[in-house]
Amino acid sequence: MAKMQAAVITQLGQAPKYQQFQMPVAQDNEGIVRVLASSLKQLDRAIVAGTHYSSPSSESLPVVCGTDGVGINDKGEKVYFQTTSSQFGAMAEYAPASMMVNIPEGLDTDMVAALINPAIGAWLPLAWRAKMVRGETVLIMGATGDTGKQALAIAKLLGAKKVIAVGRKRSGLMSLIADEYIDTEQDEALLFAEFQRLAKRGIDIVVDYLWGRPAELLIKALMTKSLKVDEKAGERGIRYVSVGALAGSEIQLASGVFRSSFLTILGSGTGNFPPKELLENIVMQILREAVKGNLKIEYEVASLEDVEILWTQKTAKRLVFQVAS
C-alpha cells in the first residue's frame, strides 16, 4: 500500500505527529490533490484536542488532521480545496478534496492558504446567516483576531453603513479599520454602558467570536426598551450570529431577551454551511477581492515536518505549513 507523509492524530489531546500514513483514495464526488500548503486554525486545534463537535472518536484514530489548503489537482491546476473526509485531512502530501476552486494567477500560495478559512468565517455569518443588506450597522465582537479582522473588511465590502470593532485594546484594537471601537478589557459596568449606548443608536448585525461574559452584557444591552429598530429592516430585526467562544463556551440567557427585543440569535459553523455551489461562489468572491488587494492577512510559514513542535506554540501571525511532496 502506497504511503505519504502527514500530520497524524494518534491521540486526542496531543499534538499531531509527522509520520507516514496510507495514501487516500477518492470517494464519490471527490478528487485527489497534491497539497502545497495548509494553515493551522483554531478549528484544527479544537478538533485535535477532542473538544470540537467534529472531533474524531478515539476508536477511529489514527487520522490525518487539517480541513483545507491549497494544492494541485489532477489537471495540474492550483486550487483551494476543502476535505470532509473523516480519515484523511489536508495536512498531508495528498488529500481528498470534496470542494475545489481555481486560484487566480498572481495570488501567493501561502497567502491563500492563510486567508480563505478566516474569510469564510467572516463572510458566512454576514451574508449567509444574517442575510446582510447594504446600509446596515455591523458590530464585530472579537475584532482583533484573524477572522474578526476579515469580518471588519468584508462588512465594508458588503456595504455596511457603519462597522464597530469590539475587542481587547492591548491586542491592537485601535489599529483596526473601523468606525468605532469598544475595549472589552475595561470595567464591566463601563462596558455595559457602552453596549447600551450602541444599542440605542441602532445595531443591525452582531458577529460574535467571543461569547462568554461579553456576549451576556451585549445581549442584555439589546433588551433596552428604547432600543431603536429601523422600520426598513422589516422582519430581519437584529441578528446576533455566534461564531466562536474565545471568552467562554456558555452564557446565562434569560427568556425575556426574546420578548423584550427584536433579536434573533443564530449560529455559524460547519454544521450550517451553505450548499456546495454557493460556498464555492463565496470562495471565488473572496479570491477576487484578494486579487484587488481588498482582503489581506499576515502569516508566517513553516515546514509540515515541524507540526508537532509548533502545534501548541503561539505565533503573532497565522501559521501556514508548507508541504514538501
Protein backbone atom coordinates (compact mmCIF):
# COMPACT_ATOMS: atom_id res chain seq x y z
CA MET A 1 0.00 0.00 0.00
CA ALA A 2 1.37 3.41 -1.04
CA LYS A 3 2.38 5.75 1.78
CA MET A 4 2.74 9.50 2.22
CA GLN A 5 3.94 11.89 4.92
CA ALA A 6 1.22 13.56 7.00
CA ALA A 7 0.35 15.24 10.29
CA VAL A 8 -1.32 12.34 12.06
CA ILE A 9 -3.56 12.45 15.12
CA THR A 10 -2.62 9.42 17.18
CA GLN A 11 -4.24 10.52 20.45
CA LEU A 12 -6.77 13.24 21.21
CA GLY A 13 -5.29 16.00 23.32
CA GLN A 14 -1.79 15.52 21.91
CA ALA A 15 -0.14 17.35 19.03
CA PRO A 16 -0.22 15.56 15.66
CA LYS A 17 2.90 13.65 14.67
CA TYR A 18 4.66 13.94 11.33
CA GLN A 19 4.78 10.37 10.10
CA GLN A 20 3.84 8.02 7.30
CA PHE A 21 0.18 7.36 6.54
CA GLN A 22 -1.65 5.48 3.83
CA MET A 23 -2.48 7.36 0.63
CA PRO A 24 -6.10 8.50 0.25
CA VAL A 25 -8.40 7.04 -2.38
CA ALA A 26 -11.02 9.33 -3.89
CA GLN A 27 -14.62 8.55 -2.97
CA ASP A 28 -17.72 9.71 -4.84
CA ASN A 29 -17.64 13.44 -5.72
CA GLU A 30 -14.01 13.76 -4.54
CA GLY A 31 -10.71 14.42 -6.25
CA ILE A 32 -7.17 13.87 -5.01
CA VAL A 33 -4.96 16.94 -4.72
CA ARG A 34 -1.21 17.18 -4.20
CA VAL A 35 -1.05 19.53 -1.22
CA LEU A 36 1.16 22.61 -1.29
CA ALA A 37 0.13 24.38 1.91
CA SER A 38 -2.36 24.18 4.77
CA SER A 39 -2.85 26.68 7.59
CA LEU A 40 -3.20 25.96 11.30
CA LYS A 41 -6.55 27.17 12.65
CA GLN A 42 -8.33 27.26 15.99
CA LEU A 43 -10.72 24.73 14.48
CA ASP A 44 -7.84 22.33 13.84
CA ARG A 45 -6.60 22.73 17.40
CA ALA A 46 -10.07 22.12 18.84
CA ILE A 47 -10.58 19.01 16.70
CA VAL A 48 -7.24 17.56 17.79
CA ALA A 49 -7.93 18.46 21.43
CA GLY A 50 -11.17 16.47 21.23
CA THR A 51 -13.29 19.48 22.24
CA HIS A 52 -14.98 20.19 18.89
CA TYR A 53 -18.23 18.56 17.83
CA SER A 54 -16.45 17.23 14.72
CA SER A 55 -13.54 15.68 16.65
CA PRO A 56 -12.90 12.04 15.76
CA SER A 57 -13.61 9.32 18.28
CA SER A 58 -10.65 7.68 19.97
CA GLU A 59 -11.64 4.41 18.32
CA SER A 60 -11.26 5.91 14.82
CA LEU A 61 -7.65 7.02 15.32
CA PRO A 62 -5.17 7.44 13.72
CA VAL A 63 -6.40 10.05 11.23
CA VAL A 64 -4.81 12.94 9.34
CA CYS A 65 -5.71 16.42 10.57
CA GLY A 66 -6.48 19.60 8.62
CA THR A 67 -9.64 20.82 6.94
CA ASP A 68 -8.48 22.87 3.95
CA GLY A 69 -5.50 24.05 1.97
CA VAL A 70 -4.01 24.81 -1.42
CA GLY A 71 -2.92 22.10 -3.81
CA ILE A 72 -2.61 20.89 -7.39
CA ASN A 73 -5.48 18.89 -8.87
CA ASP A 74 -5.27 16.12 -11.46
CA LYS A 75 -5.47 18.73 -14.26
CA GLY A 76 -2.37 20.49 -12.97
CA GLU A 77 -4.39 23.49 -11.74
CA LYS A 78 -3.67 25.28 -8.47
CA VAL A 79 -6.80 25.15 -6.32
CA TYR A 80 -8.11 25.99 -2.90
CA PHE A 81 -9.67 22.83 -1.51
CA GLN A 82 -11.64 21.55 1.45
CA THR A 83 -11.80 17.99 2.70
CA THR A 84 -14.66 16.45 4.63
CA SER A 85 -13.10 13.01 4.95
CA SER A 86 -13.17 11.58 8.46
CA GLN A 87 -9.81 9.87 7.91
CA PHE A 88 -7.77 12.00 5.50
CA GLY A 89 -7.19 15.66 6.31
CA ALA A 90 -5.42 18.48 4.47
CA MET A 91 -2.09 18.40 6.35
CA ALA A 92 -0.52 15.73 4.19
CA GLU A 93 1.25 15.27 0.88
CA TYR A 94 -2.06 14.24 -0.70
CA ALA A 95 -5.66 14.83 0.35
CA PRO A 96 -9.16 14.01 -0.91
CA ALA A 97 -10.96 17.21 -1.91
CA SER A 98 -14.72 17.50 -1.58
CA MET A 99 -14.57 21.06 -2.94
CA MET A 100 -12.05 22.77 -5.22
CA VAL A 101 -11.89 26.36 -6.51
CA ASN A 102 -9.28 27.50 -9.01
CA ILE A 103 -6.92 30.20 -7.71
CA PRO A 104 -6.33 33.25 -9.96
CA GLU A 105 -2.80 33.83 -11.19
CA GLY A 106 -0.74 36.22 -9.13
CA LEU A 107 -2.00 35.15 -5.70
CA ASP A 108 0.61 33.70 -3.38
CA THR A 109 0.01 30.06 -2.40
CA ASP A 110 0.74 30.52 1.29
CA MET A 111 -1.35 33.70 1.50
CA VAL A 112 -4.37 31.91 0.04
CA ALA A 113 -3.90 29.01 2.46
CA ALA A 114 -3.90 31.50 5.33
CA LEU A 115 -6.71 33.75 4.11
CA ILE A 116 -9.60 31.63 2.90
CA ASN A 117 -10.69 29.99 6.16
CA PRO A 118 -10.95 33.19 8.24
CA ALA A 119 -12.52 35.00 5.28
CA ILE A 120 -15.17 32.28 5.02
CA GLY A 121 -15.62 32.53 8.80
CA ALA A 122 -16.43 36.21 8.28
CA TRP A 123 -18.40 36.11 5.02
CA LEU A 124 -20.83 33.35 6.02
CA PRO A 125 -22.12 34.92 9.27
CA LEU A 126 -22.72 38.20 7.46
CA ALA A 127 -24.07 37.16 4.07
CA TRP A 128 -25.39 33.62 4.62
CA ARG A 129 -26.65 33.60 8.22
CA ALA A 130 -27.53 37.27 8.92
CA LYS A 131 -28.64 37.98 5.32
CA MET A 132 -26.89 41.33 5.44
CA VAL A 133 -28.10 44.12 3.16
CA ARG A 134 -26.36 47.35 2.24
CA GLY A 135 -26.60 50.25 4.68
CA GLU A 136 -26.68 48.18 7.88
CA THR A 137 -24.68 48.73 11.08
CA VAL A 138 -22.46 45.77 11.98
CA LEU A 139 -20.74 45.06 15.30
CA ILE A 140 -17.83 42.60 15.33
CA MET A 141 -17.21 41.04 18.75
CA GLY A 142 -13.63 39.75 18.85
CA ALA A 143 -12.41 42.02 16.07
CA THR A 144 -8.69 41.70 16.86
CA GLY A 145 -8.45 38.04 15.79
CA ASP A 146 -7.71 36.93 12.23
CA THR A 147 -11.35 36.19 11.45
CA GLY A 148 -12.57 39.32 13.22
CA LYS A 149 -10.26 41.45 11.08
CA GLN A 150 -11.65 39.80 7.96
CA ALA A 151 -15.19 40.45 9.21
CA LEU A 152 -14.47 44.18 9.53
CA ALA A 153 -13.19 44.32 5.95
CA ILE A 154 -15.91 42.11 4.48
CA ALA A 155 -18.72 44.02 6.23
CA LYS A 156 -17.48 47.15 4.45
CA LEU A 157 -17.20 45.29 1.13
CA LEU A 158 -20.82 44.12 1.55
CA GLY A 159 -21.98 47.68 2.05
CA ALA A 160 -22.12 48.27 5.80
CA LYS A 161 -23.03 51.82 6.77
CA LYS A 162 -21.05 51.54 10.00
CA VAL A 163 -18.68 48.92 11.40
CA ILE A 164 -17.95 48.70 15.14
CA ALA A 165 -14.86 46.84 16.36
CA VAL A 166 -15.10 45.22 19.81
CA GLY A 167 -12.05 43.55 21.34
CA ARG A 168 -9.03 43.91 23.59
CA LYS A 169 -7.27 47.23 23.26
CA ARG A 170 -3.88 45.69 24.06
CA SER A 171 -4.31 43.27 21.14
CA GLY A 172 -4.26 46.07 18.60
CA LEU A 173 -7.91 47.17 18.63
CA MET A 174 -7.20 50.79 17.79
CA SER A 175 -5.08 49.88 14.77
CA LEU A 176 -8.04 48.26 13.02
CA ILE A 177 -10.04 50.00 10.30
CA ALA A 178 -13.47 50.63 11.85
CA ASP A 179 -15.90 53.47 12.56
CA GLU A 180 -15.97 52.92 16.32
CA TYR A 181 -14.04 50.92 18.92
CA ILE A 182 -15.07 49.24 22.20
CA ASP A 183 -12.45 47.83 24.60
CA THR A 184 -13.65 44.61 26.29
CA GLU A 185 -10.97 44.88 28.98
CA GLN A 186 -12.48 47.97 30.61
CA ASP A 187 -14.56 47.86 33.80
CA GLU A 188 -17.65 45.69 33.29
CA ALA A 189 -20.10 48.45 34.22
CA LEU A 190 -18.46 50.78 31.70
CA LEU A 191 -18.51 48.09 29.03
CA PHE A 192 -22.22 47.50 29.60
CA ALA A 193 -22.89 51.24 29.39
CA GLU A 194 -21.01 51.35 26.07
CA PHE A 195 -23.12 48.47 24.75
CA GLN A 196 -26.32 50.23 25.86
CA ARG A 197 -25.26 53.39 24.06
CA LEU A 198 -24.65 51.46 20.85
CA ALA A 199 -27.93 49.57 21.19
CA LYS A 200 -29.90 52.80 21.46
CA ARG A 201 -28.21 54.15 18.34
CA GLY A 202 -29.09 51.01 16.42
CA ILE A 203 -27.29 47.77 15.62
CA ASP A 204 -28.45 45.52 12.79
CA ILE A 205 -25.96 42.64 12.96
CA VAL A 206 -23.63 41.28 15.63
CA VAL A 207 -20.95 38.77 14.59
CA ASP A 208 -19.54 37.28 17.80
CA TYR A 209 -16.29 35.35 18.02
CA LEU A 210 -16.08 35.65 21.84
CA TRP A 211 -19.33 34.51 23.51
CA GLY A 212 -18.97 34.24 27.32
CA ARG A 213 -19.41 37.30 29.54
CA PRO A 214 -19.07 39.92 26.74
CA ALA A 215 -21.98 38.25 24.96
CA GLU A 216 -24.09 38.28 28.12
CA LEU A 217 -23.53 42.01 28.54
CA LEU A 218 -24.26 42.86 24.92
CA ILE A 219 -27.41 40.73 24.76
CA LYS A 220 -28.60 42.34 27.99
CA ALA A 221 -27.97 45.76 26.43
CA LEU A 222 -30.03 44.76 23.41
CA MET A 223 -33.03 44.25 25.72
CA THR A 224 -33.25 48.03 26.31
CA LYS A 225 -36.88 49.12 25.96
CA SER A 226 -35.92 52.18 23.94
CA LEU A 227 -33.94 50.03 21.51
CA LYS A 228 -34.02 51.56 18.06
CA VAL A 229 -35.28 49.27 15.30
CA ASP A 230 -35.18 50.67 11.80
CA GLU A 231 -38.58 50.22 10.16
CA LYS A 232 -36.82 49.46 6.88
CA ALA A 233 -35.36 46.32 8.48
CA GLY A 234 -38.74 44.65 8.27
CA GLU A 235 -38.66 41.12 9.66
CA ARG A 236 -34.86 40.99 9.87
CA GLY A 237 -34.59 42.84 13.17
CA ILE A 238 -31.27 42.43 14.99
CA ARG A 239 -29.36 39.31 14.01
CA TYR A 240 -26.84 38.07 16.57
CA VAL A 241 -24.56 35.46 14.98
CA SER A 242 -22.42 33.31 17.27
CA VAL A 243 -19.29 32.02 15.53
CA GLY A 244 -16.72 31.35 18.27
CA ALA A 245 -16.32 31.06 22.03
CA LEU A 246 -12.91 32.52 22.84
CA ALA A 247 -14.26 34.18 26.02
CA GLY A 248 -16.30 31.21 27.26
CA SER A 249 -18.46 28.40 25.90
CA GLU A 250 -21.56 29.13 27.97
CA ILE A 251 -23.72 32.12 28.88
CA GLN A 252 -26.77 32.78 31.04
CA LEU A 253 -29.64 33.72 28.75
CA ALA A 254 -32.93 34.99 30.20
CA SER A 255 -36.04 34.03 28.25
CA GLY A 256 -37.16 37.65 28.36
CA VAL A 257 -34.44 38.52 25.86
CA PHE A 258 -36.63 37.38 23.02
CA ARG A 259 -39.80 39.08 24.27
CA SER A 260 -38.21 42.44 25.07
CA SER A 261 -36.26 42.99 21.87
CA PHE A 262 -36.36 42.38 18.14
CA LEU A 263 -33.49 39.93 18.45
CA THR A 264 -32.68 36.66 16.68
CA ILE A 265 -29.70 34.54 17.80
CA LEU A 266 -28.08 32.39 15.12
CA GLY A 267 -25.03 30.20 14.84
CA SER A 268 -22.48 29.98 12.05
CA GLY A 269 -20.20 26.98 11.67
CA THR A 270 -19.50 23.77 9.82
CA GLY A 271 -22.92 22.40 10.79
CA ASN A 272 -24.83 25.02 8.77
CA PHE A 273 -22.61 25.67 5.75
CA PRO A 274 -24.44 26.72 2.59
CA PRO A 275 -24.83 24.36 -0.39
CA LYS A 276 -21.56 23.50 -2.12
CA GLU A 277 -22.24 25.69 -5.17
CA LEU A 278 -22.91 28.75 -3.01
CA LEU A 279 -19.83 28.13 -0.87
CA GLU A 280 -17.68 27.82 -4.00
CA ASN A 281 -19.11 31.12 -5.23
CA ILE A 282 -18.22 32.79 -1.91
CA VAL A 283 -14.65 31.47 -2.14
CA MET A 284 -14.41 32.87 -5.66
CA GLN A 285 -15.61 36.27 -4.41
CA ILE A 286 -13.00 36.17 -1.63
CA LEU A 287 -10.27 35.37 -4.16
CA ARG A 288 -11.40 38.21 -6.43
CA GLU A 289 -11.25 40.66 -3.52
CA ALA A 290 -7.79 39.32 -2.63
CA VAL A 291 -6.61 39.97 -6.19
CA LYS A 292 -7.81 43.59 -5.82
CA GLY A 293 -5.93 43.87 -2.53
CA ASN A 294 -9.13 44.36 -0.51
CA LEU A 295 -8.57 41.26 1.63
CA LYS A 296 -5.18 40.61 3.22
CA ILE A 297 -3.76 38.59 6.10
CA GLU A 298 -0.48 38.39 7.97
CA TYR A 299 1.06 34.93 8.06
CA GLU A 300 4.28 33.04 8.59
CA VAL A 301 5.38 29.74 7.11
CA ALA A 302 6.93 26.57 8.45
CA SER A 303 7.55 23.05 7.23
CA LEU A 304 4.90 20.43 7.95
CA GLU A 305 7.76 18.35 9.37
CA ASP A 306 7.71 20.67 12.41
CA VAL A 307 3.98 20.30 13.08
CA GLU A 308 4.39 18.54 16.43
CA ILE A 309 6.80 21.18 17.76
CA LEU A 310 4.81 24.18 16.54
CA TRP A 311 1.27 22.94 17.25
CA THR A 312 0.93 24.47 20.71
CA GLN A 313 3.22 27.46 20.22
CA LYS A 314 1.62 30.89 19.98
CA THR A 315 2.55 32.91 16.92
CA ALA A 316 1.81 36.55 16.18
CA LYS A 317 0.64 35.66 12.68
CA ARG A 318 -1.34 32.81 11.18
CA LEU A 319 0.87 29.78 10.67
CA VAL A 320 0.95 28.08 7.27
CA PHE A 321 2.52 24.65 6.89
CA GLN A 322 4.28 24.12 3.58
CA VAL A 323 4.09 20.56 2.38
CA ALA A 324 7.06 19.04 0.56
CA SER A 325 5.91 16.38 -1.89
